[in-house]
Amino acid sequence: MNHDEDRIALFLDYENLAIGARDRLNVNFDLQPIADAMAERGRVVVRKAYADWSMFDKDRRMLTRQHVELIEITQRMGKARKNSADIKLVVDAIELAFERSYITTFVLGTGDSDFTPLVHKLRELDKRVIGVGVEGSTSNLLPAACDEFLFYDRLVDRTDRRDAVPTSDDASSDDDEDAPQAPRDLVATVVGTLSGLLRSGDSAVRASTLKRALLRKDPTFSEADHGFRAFGELLRSLGDQGIVELDGRRGDPEVSLAAEGSGETDAMNLLVAVVADSQPAALSGLKRQMRNRQGDFNERRLGYSGFLPFVKAAAARGLVALEWSDEIGDYQLTSV
């Protein structure tokens, strides 16, 4: 048995999920998209769902086929029933965290912010917590508390897209040519995160480390939302664009920023030249002037999260002077 893989305990606040899927998505809840997502993350060793099952007879049969233990909540009226289910789920999760130390990850299927204290406590106990909820009925407080949060709506969409992919007999042999291009905001997020990891660490950054850092910044981050089938496909796309470099190994490659070394020196020299020709130069419009001289200029390829950090780095090296001007409401650059 592979003891390096995550062992997952799945807890479903079933009424929250089922009603959210019905009211927000107009579909019957199906566990399979969640099961598929968990299979990609580790080995599920505990499956529990909490509800008054007299309300979900058909769902009960579906969950039983998925080997989910059904926890019956005694039928009560309104909020009393909800509170009973919440408390039972919380007690069972905390008890399991103490009794089964080999469980590394807890998955909470709910959008209810009442479970936020449970998330905090499980993380205090060194457990990874993944939330799953219907987007339109999930509290804004819950995703930020989790290590990762998956919206059920998007999991269903991914399942539908995967089912629509042509079979190997029908697929074109040049799939890579049809790979999606990362949008600009995604490129900025990935490069900014990678740059920070490279500057703060003393070792190489692997793809898995980069993905974990992205999830710490935004627990709802998913490359699938941008059309990529896997994180590795996203990185290969960025590599093809000359933004990052991969070491070529399969599985968990090392990731670095492209265009390092002399490329940064050339970019700084370009900035100095543009400022000298138009000083005092306002920050706004300065990047456009640089691109007029060098069309492929891109500070993000050099590891900077934006143009201002790039300019501040040049000022810190004594190449240009940078000051804020109240008169124009912008930074101004001058030669030194």
C-alpha atoms as a PDB file:
ATOM      1  CA  MET A   1       0.000   0.000   0.000  1.00  0.00           C
ATOM      2  CA  ASN A   2       1.247   3.479  -0.865  1.00  0.00           C
ATOM      3  CA  HIS A   3       1.491   5.384   2.419  1.00  0.00           C
ATOM      4  CA  ASP A   4       2.549   8.584   0.641  1.00  0.00           C
ATOM      5  CA  GLU A   5      -0.902   9.158  -0.852  1.00  0.00           C
ATOM      6  CA  ASP A   6      -3.507  11.207   0.999  1.00  0.00           C
ATOM      7  CA  ARG A   7      -6.132   9.289   2.966  1.00  0.00           C
ATOM      8  CA  ILE A   8      -9.423  11.123   2.705  1.00  0.00           C
ATOM      9  CA  ALA A   9     -12.520  11.256   4.905  1.00  0.00           C
ATOM     10  CA  LEU A  10     -15.603  12.518   3.057  1.00  0.00           C
ATOM     11  CA  PHE A  11     -18.420  14.134   5.062  1.00  0.00           C
ATOM     12  CA  LEU A  12     -21.558  15.299   3.235  1.00  0.00           C
ATOM     13  CA  ASP A  13     -24.080  17.760   4.618  1.00  0.00           C
ATOM     14  CA  TYR A  14     -26.443  16.140   2.177  1.00  0.00           C
ATOM     15  CA  GLU A  15     -29.486  18.368   2.483  1.00  0.00           C
ATOM     16  CA  ASN A  16     -27.363  21.446   1.771  1.00  0.00           C
ATOM     17  CA  LEU A  17     -25.844  19.889  -1.358  1.00  0.00           C
ATOM     18  CA  ALA A  18     -28.989  18.271  -2.721  1.00  0.00           C
ATOM     19  CA  ILE A  19     -31.213  21.323  -2.266  1.00  0.00           C
ATOM     20  CA  GLY A  20     -28.498  23.603  -3.637  1.00  0.00           C
ATOM     21  CA  ALA A  21     -28.151  21.453  -6.760  1.00  0.00           C
ATOM     22  CA  ARG A  22     -31.912  21.347  -7.220  1.00  0.00           C
ATOM     23  CA  ASP A  23     -32.655  25.020  -6.601  1.00  0.00           C
ATOM     24  CA  ARG A  24     -29.541  26.623  -8.114  1.00  0.00           C
ATOM     25  CA  LEU A  25     -28.651  24.232 -10.926  1.00  0.00           C
ATOM     26  CA  ASN A  26     -31.990  22.551 -11.591  1.00  0.00           C
ATOM     27  CA  VAL A  27     -30.352  19.112 -11.473  1.00  0.00           C
ATOM     28  CA  ASN A  28     -30.469  16.093  -9.168  1.00  0.00           C
ATOM     29  CA  PHE A  29     -27.368  15.779  -7.030  1.00  0.00           C
ATOM     30  CA  ASP A  30     -24.881  13.151  -8.238  1.00  0.00           C
ATOM     31  CA  LEU A  31     -21.919  12.093  -6.135  1.00  0.00           C
ATOM     32  CA  GLN A  32     -19.832  10.889  -9.095  1.00  0.00           C
ATOM     33  CA  PRO A  33     -18.220  14.258  -9.982  1.00  0.00           C
ATOM     34  CA  ILE A  34     -17.079  14.618  -6.360  1.00  0.00           C
ATOM     35  CA  ALA A  35     -15.871  11.009  -6.263  1.00  0.00           C
ATOM     36  CA  ASP A  36     -13.834  11.576  -9.428  1.00  0.00           C
ATOM     37  CA  ALA A  37     -12.264  14.742  -7.990  1.00  0.00           C
ATOM     38  CA  MET A  38     -11.320  12.915  -4.789  1.00  0.00           C
ATOM     39  CA  ALA A  39      -9.823   9.994  -6.718  1.00  0.00           C
ATOM     40  CA  GLU A  40      -7.403  12.481  -8.258  1.00  0.00           C
ATOM     41  CA  ARG A  41      -6.330  13.668  -4.802  1.00  0.00           C
ATOM     42  CA  GLY A  42      -5.962  10.472  -2.815  1.00  0.00           C
ATOM     43  CA  ARG A  43      -7.632   7.384  -1.382  1.00  0.00           C
ATOM     44  CA  VAL A  44     -11.066   7.856   0.176  1.00  0.00           C
ATOM     45  CA  VAL A  45     -11.271   5.669   3.295  1.00  0.00           C
ATOM     46  CA  VAL A  46     -14.362   7.149   4.982  1.00  0.00           C
ATOM     47  CA  ARG A  47     -17.634   8.211   3.322  1.00  0.00           C
ATOM     48  CA  LYS A  48     -20.482   9.596   5.439  1.00  0.00           C
ATOM     49  CA  ALA A  49     -23.622  11.516   4.490  1.00  0.00           C
ATOM     50  CA  TYR A  50     -25.995  13.185   6.973  1.00  0.00           C
ATOM     51  CA  ALA A  51     -29.703  13.780   6.315  1.00  0.00           C
ATOM     52  CA  ASP A  52     -33.267  12.881   7.120  1.00  0.00           C
ATOM     53  CA  TRP A  53     -33.300  10.126   4.519  1.00  0.00           C
ATOM     54  CA  SER A  54     -37.085   9.975   4.326  1.00  0.00           C
ATOM     55  CA  MET A  55     -36.718  13.124   2.228  1.00  0.00           C
ATOM     56  CA  PHE A  56     -34.149  11.588  -0.158  1.00  0.00           C
ATOM     57  CA  ASP A  57     -35.246   8.058  -0.964  1.00  0.00           C
ATOM     58  CA  LYS A  58     -33.817   7.906  -4.504  1.00  0.00           C
ATOM     59  CA  ASP A  59     -30.620   9.617  -3.406  1.00  0.00           C
ATOM     60  CA  ARG A  60     -30.195   7.042  -0.674  1.00  0.00           C
ATOM     61  CA  ARG A  61     -29.966   4.240  -3.238  1.00  0.00           C
ATOM     62  CA  MET A  62     -27.453   6.209  -5.329  1.00  0.00           C
ATOM     63  CA  LEU A  63     -25.223   6.851  -2.315  1.00  0.00           C
ATOM     64  CA  THR A  64     -25.417   3.231  -1.166  1.00  0.00           C
ATOM     65  CA  ARG A  65     -24.081   2.135  -4.557  1.00  0.00           C
ATOM     66  CA  GLN A  66     -21.203   4.582  -3.946  1.00  0.00           C
ATOM     67  CA  HIS A  67     -20.461   2.867  -0.580  1.00  0.00           C
ATOM     68  CA  VAL A  68     -21.453   5.919   1.459  1.00  0.00           C
ATOM     69  CA  GLU A  69     -22.494   5.355   5.070  1.00  0.00           C
ATOM     70  CA  LEU A  70     -25.860   7.046   5.586  1.00  0.00           C
ATOM     71  CA  ILE A  71     -26.242   8.753   8.955  1.00  0.00           C
ATOM     72  CA  GLU A  72     -29.907   9.156   9.821  1.00  0.00           C
ATOM     73  CA  ILE A  73     -30.936  12.399  11.462  1.00  0.00           C
ATOM     74  CA  THR A  74     -34.151  12.021  13.420  1.00  0.00           C
ATOM     75  CA  GLN A  75     -36.917  13.903  11.686  1.00  0.00           C
ATOM     76  CA  ARG A  76     -37.630  17.236  13.320  1.00  0.00           C
ATOM     77  CA  MET A  77     -39.106  20.499  12.165  1.00  0.00           C
ATOM     78  CA  GLY A  78     -37.172  23.236  10.384  1.00  0.00           C
ATOM     79  CA  LYS A  79     -33.993  24.581  11.975  1.00  0.00           C
ATOM     80  CA  ALA A  80     -33.931  21.936  14.716  1.00  0.00           C
ATOM     81  CA  ARG A  81     -33.335  19.225  12.113  1.00  0.00           C
ATOM     82  CA  LYS A  82     -30.596  21.277  10.453  1.00  0.00           C
ATOM     83  CA  ASN A  83     -28.804  21.915  13.741  1.00  0.00           C
ATOM     84  CA  SER A  84     -29.000  18.240  14.651  1.00  0.00           C
ATOM     85  CA  ALA A  85     -27.327  17.228  11.385  1.00  0.00           C
ATOM     86  CA  ASP A  86     -24.650  19.915  11.740  1.00  0.00           C
ATOM     87  CA  ILE A  87     -23.745  18.941  15.293  1.00  0.00           C
ATOM     88  CA  LYS A  88     -23.612  15.214  14.506  1.00  0.00           C
ATOM     89  CA  LEU A  89     -21.324  15.828  11.523  1.00  0.00           C
ATOM     90  CA  VAL A  90     -18.997  18.055  13.551  1.00  0.00           C
ATOM     91  CA  VAL A  91     -18.750  15.578  16.433  1.00  0.00           C
ATOM     92  CA  ASP A  92     -18.013  12.666  14.084  1.00  0.00           C
ATOM     93  CA  ALA A  93     -15.373  14.627  12.164  1.00  0.00           C
ATOM     94  CA  ILE A  94     -13.503  15.751  15.284  1.00  0.00           C
ATOM     95  CA  GLU A  95     -13.694  12.277  16.797  1.00  0.00           C
ATOM     96  CA  LEU A  96     -12.281  10.759  13.600  1.00  0.00           C
ATOM     97  CA  ALA A  97      -9.472  13.331  13.496  1.00  0.00           C
ATOM     98  CA  PHE A  98      -8.300  12.214  16.938  1.00  0.00           C
ATOM     99  CA  GLU A  99      -8.896   8.475  16.534  1.00  0.00           C
ATOM    100  CA  ARG A 100      -7.565   7.972  12.987  1.00  0.00           C
ATOM    101  CA  SER A 101      -4.267   9.822  12.755  1.00  0.00           C
ATOM    102  CA  TYR A 102      -3.554   8.294   9.345  1.00  0.00           C
ATOM    103  CA  ILE A 103      -6.361  10.359   7.779  1.00  0.00           C
ATOM    104  CA  THR A 104      -4.659  13.357   6.207  1.00  0.00           C
ATOM    105  CA  THR A 105      -7.537  15.115   4.434  1.00  0.00           C
ATOM    106  CA  PHE A 106     -11.114  15.932   5.376  1.00  0.00           C
ATOM    107  CA  VAL A 107     -13.589  16.783   2.630  1.00  0.00           C
ATOM    108  CA  LEU A 108     -16.663  18.688   3.781  1.00  0.00           C
ATOM    109  CA  GLY A 109     -19.524  18.727   1.310  1.00  0.00           C
ATOM    110  CA  THR A 110     -21.472  21.829   2.301  1.00  0.00           C
ATOM    111  CA  GLY A 111     -21.813  25.511   1.589  1.00  0.00           C
ATOM    112  CA  ASP A 112     -22.868  26.398   5.129  1.00  0.00           C
ATOM    113  CA  SER A 113     -20.678  28.922   6.942  1.00  0.00           C
ATOM    114  CA  ASP A 114     -21.648  27.257  10.259  1.00  0.00           C
ATOM    115  CA  PHE A 115     -18.942  24.686   9.474  1.00  0.00           C
ATOM    116  CA  THR A 116     -16.167  27.296   9.345  1.00  0.00           C
ATOM    117  CA  PRO A 117     -15.108  26.661  12.992  1.00  0.00           C
ATOM    118  CA  LEU A 118     -14.835  22.951  12.166  1.00  0.00           C
ATOM    119  CA  VAL A 119     -12.550  23.799   9.250  1.00  0.00           C
ATOM    120  CA  HIS A 120     -10.327  25.910  11.523  1.00  0.00           C
ATOM    121  CA  LYS A 121     -10.145  23.175  14.154  1.00  0.00           C
ATOM    122  CA  LEU A 122      -9.255  20.449  11.650  1.00  0.00           C
ATOM    123  CA  ARG A 123      -6.492  22.618  10.232  1.00  0.00           C
ATOM    124  CA  GLU A 124      -5.197  23.231  13.775  1.00  0.00           C
ATOM    125  CA  LEU A 125      -4.970  19.437  14.018  1.00  0.00           C
ATOM    126  CA  ASP A 126      -2.741  19.438  10.917  1.00  0.00           C
ATOM    127  CA  LYS A 127      -5.437  18.111   8.612  1.00  0.00           C
ATOM    128  CA  ARG A 128      -5.885  19.339   5.062  1.00  0.00           C
ATOM    129  CA  VAL A 129      -9.468  20.500   4.465  1.00  0.00           C
ATOM    130  CA  ILE A 130     -11.217  20.537   1.099  1.00  0.00           C
ATOM    131  CA  GLY A 131     -14.676  22.060   0.818  1.00  0.00           C
ATOM    132  CA  VAL A 132     -17.284  21.229  -1.810  1.00  0.00           C
ATOM    133  CA  GLY A 133     -20.399  23.324  -2.316  1.00  0.00           C
ATOM    134  CA  VAL A 134     -22.865  24.627  -4.876  1.00  0.00           C
ATOM    135  CA  GLU A 135     -21.585  28.022  -5.955  1.00  0.00           C
ATOM    136  CA  GLY A 136     -24.827  29.967  -5.654  1.00  0.00           C
ATOM    137  CA  SER A 137     -25.610  28.631  -2.190  1.00  0.00           C
ATOM    138  CA  THR A 138     -22.138  28.684  -0.630  1.00  0.00           C
ATOM    139  CA  SER A 139     -21.269  31.274   1.994  1.00  0.00           C
ATOM    140  CA  ASN A 140     -18.384  33.576   1.097  1.00  0.00           C
ATOM    141  CA  LEU A 141     -16.769  32.746   4.444  1.00  0.00           C
ATOM    142  CA  LEU A 142     -16.296  29.031   3.843  1.00  0.00           C
ATOM    143  CA  PRO A 143     -14.003  28.805   0.766  1.00  0.00           C
ATOM    144  CA  ALA A 144     -11.408  31.154   2.236  1.00  0.00           C
ATOM    145  CA  ALA A 145     -11.165  29.004   5.376  1.00  0.00           C
ATOM    146  CA  CYS A 146     -10.371  25.799   3.453  1.00  0.00           C
ATOM    147  CA  ASP A 147      -7.103  24.619   1.926  1.00  0.00           C
ATOM    148  CA  GLU A 148      -9.002  24.033  -1.297  1.00  0.00           C
ATOM    149  CA  PHE A 149     -12.607  24.607  -2.290  1.00  0.00           C
ATOM    150  CA  LEU A 150     -14.361  22.927  -5.207  1.00  0.00           C
ATOM    151  CA  PHE A 151     -17.623  24.236  -6.591  1.00  0.00           C
ATOM    152  CA  TYR A 152     -19.970  21.392  -7.462  1.00  0.00           C
ATOM    153  CA  ASP A 153     -21.230  23.308 -10.515  1.00  0.00           C
ATOM    154  CA  ARG A 154     -17.752  23.303 -12.047  1.00  0.00           C
ATOM    155  CA  LEU A 155     -17.145  19.641 -11.242  1.00  0.00           C
ATOM    156  CA  VAL A 156     -20.325  18.761 -13.135  1.00  0.00           C
ATOM    157  CA  ASP A 157     -19.238  20.941 -16.072  1.00  0.00           C
ATOM    158  CA  ARG A 158     -15.851  19.213 -16.200  1.00  0.00           C
ATOM    159  CA  THR A 159     -17.510  15.798 -16.186  1.00  0.00           C
ATOM    160  CA  ASP A 160     -19.744  16.852 -19.075  1.00  0.00           C
ATOM    161  CA  ARG A 161     -16.772  18.208 -21.031  1.00  0.00           C
ATOM    162  CA  ARG A 162     -14.780  15.031 -20.440  1.00  0.00           C
ATOM    163  CA  ASP A 163     -17.668  12.884 -21.632  1.00  0.00           C
ATOM    164  CA  ALA A 164     -17.859  15.007 -24.791  1.00  0.00           C
ATOM    165  CA  VAL A 165     -14.182  14.509 -25.687  1.00  0.00           C
ATOM    166  CA  PRO A 166     -13.755  12.355 -28.825  1.00  0.00           C
ATOM    167  CA  THR A 167     -12.475   8.814 -28.423  1.00  0.00           C
ATOM    168  CA  SER A 168      -8.901   8.014 -29.378  1.00  0.00           C
ATOM    169  CA  ASP A 169     -10.076   6.705 -32.766  1.00  0.00           C
ATOM    170  CA  ASP A 170     -11.746  10.022 -33.555  1.00  0.00           C
ATOM    171  CA  ALA A 171      -9.293  12.416 -31.929  1.00  0.00           C
ATOM    172  CA  SER A 172      -6.797  14.364 -33.966  1.00  0.00           C
ATOM    173  CA  SER A 173      -3.149  13.500 -33.590  1.00  0.00           C
ATOM    174  CA  ASP A 174      -2.173  17.134 -33.024  1.00  0.00           C
ATOM    175  CA  ASP A 175      -4.001  17.741 -29.717  1.00  0.00           C
ATOM    176  CA  ASP A 176      -1.219  20.039 -28.503  1.00  0.00           C
ATOM    177  CA  GLU A 177      -1.998  22.514 -31.264  1.00  0.00           C
ATOM    178  CA  ASP A 178      -5.536  22.824 -29.892  1.00  0.00           C
ATOM    179  CA  ALA A 179      -4.432  23.367 -26.288  1.00  0.00           C
ATOM    180  CA  PRO A 180      -5.948  26.498 -24.696  1.00  0.00           C
ATOM    181  CA  GLN A 181      -3.935  29.647 -24.121  1.00  0.00           C
ATOM    182  CA  ALA A 182      -3.688  30.961 -20.567  1.00  0.00           C
ATOM    183  CA  PRO A 183      -5.487  34.307 -20.144  1.00  0.00           C
ATOM    184  CA  ARG A 184      -3.440  37.288 -19.025  1.00  0.00           C
ATOM    185  CA  ASP A 185      -4.745  37.343 -15.441  1.00  0.00           C
ATOM    186  CA  LEU A 186      -3.923  33.655 -15.003  1.00  0.00           C
ATOM    187  CA  VAL A 187      -0.405  34.189 -16.363  1.00  0.00           C
ATOM    188  CA  ALA A 188       0.090  37.038 -13.894  1.00  0.00           C
ATOM    189  CA  THR A 189      -1.098  34.890 -10.988  1.00  0.00           C
ATOM    190  CA  VAL A 190       1.107  31.911 -11.846  1.00  0.00           C
ATOM    191  CA  VAL A 191       4.222  33.975 -12.620  1.00  0.00           C
ATOM    192  CA  GLY A 192       3.820  36.178  -9.562  1.00  0.00           C
ATOM    193  CA  THR A 193       3.471  33.129  -7.316  1.00  0.00           C
ATOM    194  CA  LEU A 194       6.406  31.336  -8.923  1.00  0.00           C
ATOM    195  CA  SER A 195       8.549  34.455  -8.633  1.00  0.00           C
ATOM    196  CA  GLY A 196       7.792  34.707  -4.919  1.00  0.00           C
ATOM    197  CA  LEU A 197       8.649  31.050  -4.337  1.00  0.00           C
ATOM    198  CA  LEU A 198      11.939  31.371  -6.194  1.00  0.00           C
ATOM    199  CA  ARG A 199      12.943  34.479  -4.265  1.00  0.00           C
ATOM    200  CA  SER A 200      11.954  33.194  -0.829  1.00  0.00           C
ATOM    201  CA  GLY A 201      13.305  29.668  -1.160  1.00  0.00           C
ATOM    202  CA  ASP A 202      16.751  28.153  -1.535  1.00  0.00           C
ATOM    203  CA  SER A 203      15.747  25.156  -3.629  1.00  0.00           C
ATOM    204  CA  ALA A 204      14.070  24.398  -6.938  1.00  0.00           C
ATOM    205  CA  VAL A 205      10.317  24.812  -7.220  1.00  0.00           C
ATOM    206  CA  ARG A 206       8.375  21.773  -8.356  1.00  0.00           C
ATOM    207  CA  ALA A 207       5.007  21.885 -10.085  1.00  0.00           C
ATOM    208  CA  SER A 208       3.239  20.420  -7.037  1.00  0.00           C
ATOM    209  CA  THR A 209       4.759  23.116  -4.796  1.00  0.00           C
ATOM    210  CA  LEU A 210       3.573  25.829  -7.177  1.00  0.00           C
ATOM    211  CA  LYS A 211       0.050  24.376  -7.285  1.00  0.00           C
ATOM    212  CA  ARG A 212      -0.147  24.266  -3.472  1.00  0.00           C
ATOM    213  CA  ALA A 213       0.998  27.897  -3.262  1.00  0.00           C
ATOM    214  CA  LEU A 214      -1.689  28.939  -5.761  1.00  0.00           C
ATOM    215  CA  LEU A 215      -4.331  27.165  -3.676  1.00  0.00           C
ATOM    216  CA  ARG A 216      -3.123  28.914  -0.529  1.00  0.00           C
ATOM    217  CA  LYS A 217      -3.655  32.241  -2.289  1.00  0.00           C
ATOM    218  CA  ASP A 218      -7.034  31.239  -3.714  1.00  0.00           C
ATOM    219  CA  PRO A 219      -8.600  27.976  -2.453  1.00  0.00           C
ATOM    220  CA  THR A 220     -11.014  28.028  -5.400  1.00  0.00           C
ATOM    221  CA  PHE A 221      -8.206  28.058  -7.995  1.00  0.00           C
ATOM    222  CA  SER A 222      -8.504  25.383 -10.666  1.00  0.00           C
ATOM    223  CA  GLU A 223      -6.747  25.182 -14.005  1.00  0.00           C
ATOM    224  CA  ALA A 224      -9.831  23.390 -15.361  1.00  0.00           C
ATOM    225  CA  ASP A 225     -11.792  26.645 -15.099  1.00  0.00           C
ATOM    226  CA  HIS A 226      -9.488  28.003 -17.819  1.00  0.00           C
ATOM    227  CA  GLY A 227      -9.845  24.998 -20.129  1.00  0.00           C
ATOM    228  CA  PHE A 228      -6.792  22.981 -19.043  1.00  0.00           C
ATOM    229  CA  ARG A 229      -7.195  19.287 -18.293  1.00  0.00           C
ATOM    230  CA  ALA A 230      -4.382  19.245 -15.736  1.00  0.00           C
ATOM    231  CA  PHE A 231      -1.954  21.622 -14.061  1.00  0.00           C
ATOM    232  CA  GLY A 232       0.877  20.142 -16.114  1.00  0.00           C
ATOM    233  CA  GLU A 233      -0.941  21.115 -19.307  1.00  0.00           C
ATOM    234  CA  LEU A 234      -1.183  24.697 -18.070  1.00  0.00           C
ATOM    235  CA  LEU A 235       2.552  24.763 -17.326  1.00  0.00           C
ATOM    236  CA  ARG A 236       3.385  23.314 -20.748  1.00  0.00           C
ATOM    237  CA  SER A 237       1.254  26.038 -22.348  1.00  0.00           C
ATOM    238  CA  LEU A 238       3.174  28.693 -20.404  1.00  0.00           C
ATOM    239  CA  GLY A 239       6.398  27.006 -21.458  1.00  0.00           C
ATOM    240  CA  ASP A 240       5.376  27.151 -25.114  1.00  0.00           C
ATOM    241  CA  GLN A 241       4.744  30.880 -24.665  1.00  0.00           C
ATOM    242  CA  GLY A 242       8.261  31.374 -23.287  1.00  0.00           C
ATOM    243  CA  ILE A 243       6.991  32.395 -19.848  1.00  0.00           C
ATOM    244  CA  VAL A 244       8.266  29.459 -17.759  1.00  0.00           C
ATOM    245  CA  GLU A 245      10.719  26.626 -18.267  1.00  0.00           C
ATOM    246  CA  LEU A 246      10.230  22.980 -17.234  1.00  0.00           C
ATOM    247  CA  ASP A 247      13.084  20.549 -16.648  1.00  0.00           C
ATOM    248  CA  GLY A 248      11.492  17.932 -18.890  1.00  0.00           C
ATOM    249  CA  ARG A 249      10.895  15.192 -16.354  1.00  0.00           C
ATOM    250  CA  ARG A 250       7.466  13.591 -16.107  1.00  0.00           C
ATOM    251  CA  GLY A 251       5.239  13.688 -13.063  1.00  0.00           C
ATOM    252  CA  ASP A 252       6.424  16.610 -10.964  1.00  0.00           C
ATOM    253  CA  PRO A 253       8.875  18.736 -12.984  1.00  0.00           C
ATOM    254  CA  GLU A 254      10.913  21.640 -11.698  1.00  0.00           C
ATOM    255  CA  VAL A 255       9.552  25.004 -12.825  1.00  0.00           C
ATOM    256  CA  SER A 256      11.568  28.180 -13.361  1.00  0.00           C
ATOM    257  CA  LEU A 257      11.001  31.541 -14.975  1.00  0.00           C
ATOM    258  CA  ALA A 258      12.179  31.994 -18.542  1.00  0.00           C
ATOM    259  CA  ALA A 259      14.287  34.880 -19.825  1.00  0.00           C
ATOM    260  CA  GLU A 260      16.461  35.267 -16.751  1.00  0.00           C
ATOM    261  CA  GLY A 261      20.012  36.630 -16.535  1.00  0.00           C
ATOM    262  CA  SER A 262      20.988  38.931 -19.385  1.00  0.00           C
ATOM    263  CA  GLY A 263      17.333  39.339 -20.378  1.00  0.00           C
ATOM    264  CA  GLU A 264      16.716  41.292 -17.180  1.00  0.00           C
ATOM    265  CA  THR A 265      19.772  43.461 -17.747  1.00  0.00           C
ATOM    266  CA  ASP A 266      18.607  44.280 -21.273  1.00  0.00           C
ATOM    267  CA  ALA A 267      15.143  45.193 -19.953  1.00  0.00           C
ATOM    268  CA  MET A 268      16.614  47.497 -17.304  1.00  0.00           C
ATOM    269  CA  ASN A 269      18.808  49.181 -19.909  1.00  0.00           C
ATOM    270  CA  LEU A 270      15.758  49.682 -22.099  1.00  0.00           C
ATOM    271  CA  LEU A 271      13.935  51.366 -19.212  1.00  0.00           C
ATOM    272  CA  VAL A 272      16.887  53.699 -18.584  1.00  0.00           C
ATOM    273  CA  ALA A 273      17.005  54.673 -22.253  1.00  0.00           C
ATOM    274  CA  VAL A 274      13.270  55.405 -22.482  1.00  0.00           C
ATOM    275  CA  VAL A 275      13.301  57.479 -19.282  1.00  0.00           C
ATOM    276  CA  ALA A 276      16.322  59.463 -20.501  1.00  0.00           C
ATOM    277  CA  ASP A 277      14.509  60.423 -23.708  1.00  0.00           C
ATOM    278  CA  SER A 278      11.285  61.591 -22.054  1.00  0.00           C
ATOM    279  CA  GLN A 279      12.096  62.635 -18.492  1.00  0.00           C
ATOM    280  CA  PRO A 280      10.370  63.296 -16.286  1.00  0.00           C
ATOM    281  CA  ALA A 281       8.451  60.208 -17.433  1.00  0.00           C
ATOM    282  CA  ALA A 282       5.114  59.301 -15.896  1.00  0.00           C
ATOM    283  CA  LEU A 283       4.668  55.646 -15.003  1.00  0.00           C
ATOM    284  CA  SER A 284       1.413  55.414 -16.943  1.00  0.00           C
ATOM    285  CA  GLY A 285       2.263  55.037 -20.597  1.00  0.00           C
ATOM    286  CA  LEU A 286       5.895  54.153 -19.910  1.00  0.00           C
ATOM    287  CA  LYS A 287       5.411  50.445 -20.567  1.00  0.00           C
ATOM    288  CA  ARG A 288       3.810  51.270 -23.917  1.00  0.00           C
ATOM    289  CA  GLN A 289       6.847  53.369 -24.849  1.00  0.00           C
ATOM    290  CA  MET A 290       9.137  50.459 -23.984  1.00  0.00           C
ATOM    291  CA  ARG A 291       7.102  48.109 -26.126  1.00  0.00           C
ATOM    292  CA  ASN A 292       7.262  50.587 -28.996  1.00  0.00           C
ATOM    293  CA  ARG A 293      11.024  50.045 -28.951  1.00  0.00           C
ATOM    294  CA  GLN A 294      10.999  46.365 -28.066  1.00  0.00           C
ATOM    295  CA  GLY A 295       7.743  44.668 -28.976  1.00  0.00           C
ATOM    296  CA  ASP A 296       8.295  41.515 -26.910  1.00  0.00           C
ATOM    297  CA  PHE A 297       9.059  43.320 -23.627  1.00  0.00           C
ATOM    298  CA  ASN A 298       7.247  41.593 -20.747  1.00  0.00           C
ATOM    299  CA  GLU A 299       8.308  42.148 -17.157  1.00  0.00           C
ATOM    300  CA  ARG A 300       6.415  39.038 -16.038  1.00  0.00           C
ATOM    301  CA  ARG A 301       8.834  36.829 -17.949  1.00  0.00           C
ATOM    302  CA  LEU A 302      11.545  38.268 -15.728  1.00  0.00           C
ATOM    303  CA  GLY A 303       9.724  37.201 -12.579  1.00  0.00           C
ATOM    304  CA  TYR A 304       7.983  40.459 -11.685  1.00  0.00           C
ATOM    305  CA  SER A 305       4.314  40.465 -10.750  1.00  0.00           C
ATOM    306  CA  GLY A 306       3.701  43.762 -12.572  1.00  0.00           C
ATOM    307  CA  PHE A 307       5.321  46.774 -14.195  1.00  0.00           C
ATOM    308  CA  LEU A 308       5.533  48.843 -10.992  1.00  0.00           C
ATOM    309  CA  PRO A 309       7.578  46.193  -9.112  1.00  0.00           C
ATOM    310  CA  PHE A 310       9.902  46.040 -12.129  1.00  0.00           C
ATOM    311  CA  VAL A 311      10.368  49.822 -12.063  1.00  0.00           C
ATOM    312  CA  LYS A 312      10.897  49.803  -8.278  1.00  0.00           C
ATOM    313  CA  ALA A 313      13.595  47.147  -8.720  1.00  0.00           C
ATOM    314  CA  ALA A 314      15.356  49.394 -11.231  1.00  0.00           C
ATOM    315  CA  ALA A 315      15.125  52.330  -8.792  1.00  0.00           C
ATOM    316  CA  ALA A 316      16.489  50.174  -5.974  1.00  0.00           C
ATOM    317  CA  ARG A 317      19.531  49.410  -8.145  1.00  0.00           C
ATOM    318  CA  GLY A 318      20.118  53.135  -8.690  1.00  0.00           C
ATOM    319  CA  LEU A 319      19.346  53.000 -12.413  1.00  0.00           C
ATOM    320  CA  VAL A 320      16.459  55.515 -12.298  1.00  0.00           C
ATOM    321  CA  ALA A 321      14.880  57.821  -9.708  1.00  0.00           C
ATOM    322  CA  LEU A 322      11.261  57.126  -8.801  1.00  0.00           C
ATOM    323  CA  GLU A 323       9.036  59.585  -6.916  1.00  0.00           C
ATOM    324  CA  TRP A 324       5.315  60.046  -6.395  1.00  0.00           C
ATOM    325  CA  SER A 325       3.863  63.279  -7.840  1.00  0.00           C
ATOM    326  CA  ASP A 326       0.720  64.668  -6.216  1.00  0.00           C
ATOM    327  CA  GLU A 327       0.441  67.111  -9.097  1.00  0.00           C
ATOM    328  CA  ILE A 328      -0.165  64.426 -11.725  1.00  0.00           C
ATOM    329  CA  GLY A 329      -1.361  61.700  -9.355  1.00  0.00           C
ATOM    330  CA  ASP A 330       1.219  59.212 -10.617  1.00  0.00           C
ATOM    331  CA  TYR A 331       4.806  58.076 -10.208  1.00  0.00           C
ATOM    332  CA  GLN A 332       7.471  60.012 -12.117  1.00  0.00           C
ATOM    333  CA  LEU A 333      10.821  58.653 -13.275  1.00  0.00           C
ATOM    334  CA  THR A 334      13.989  60.594 -13.983  1.00  0.00           C
ATOM    335  CA  SER A 335      17.538  59.663 -14.924  1.00  0.00           C
ATOM    336  CA  VAL A 336      20.209  59.440 -12.225  1.00  0.00           C
END
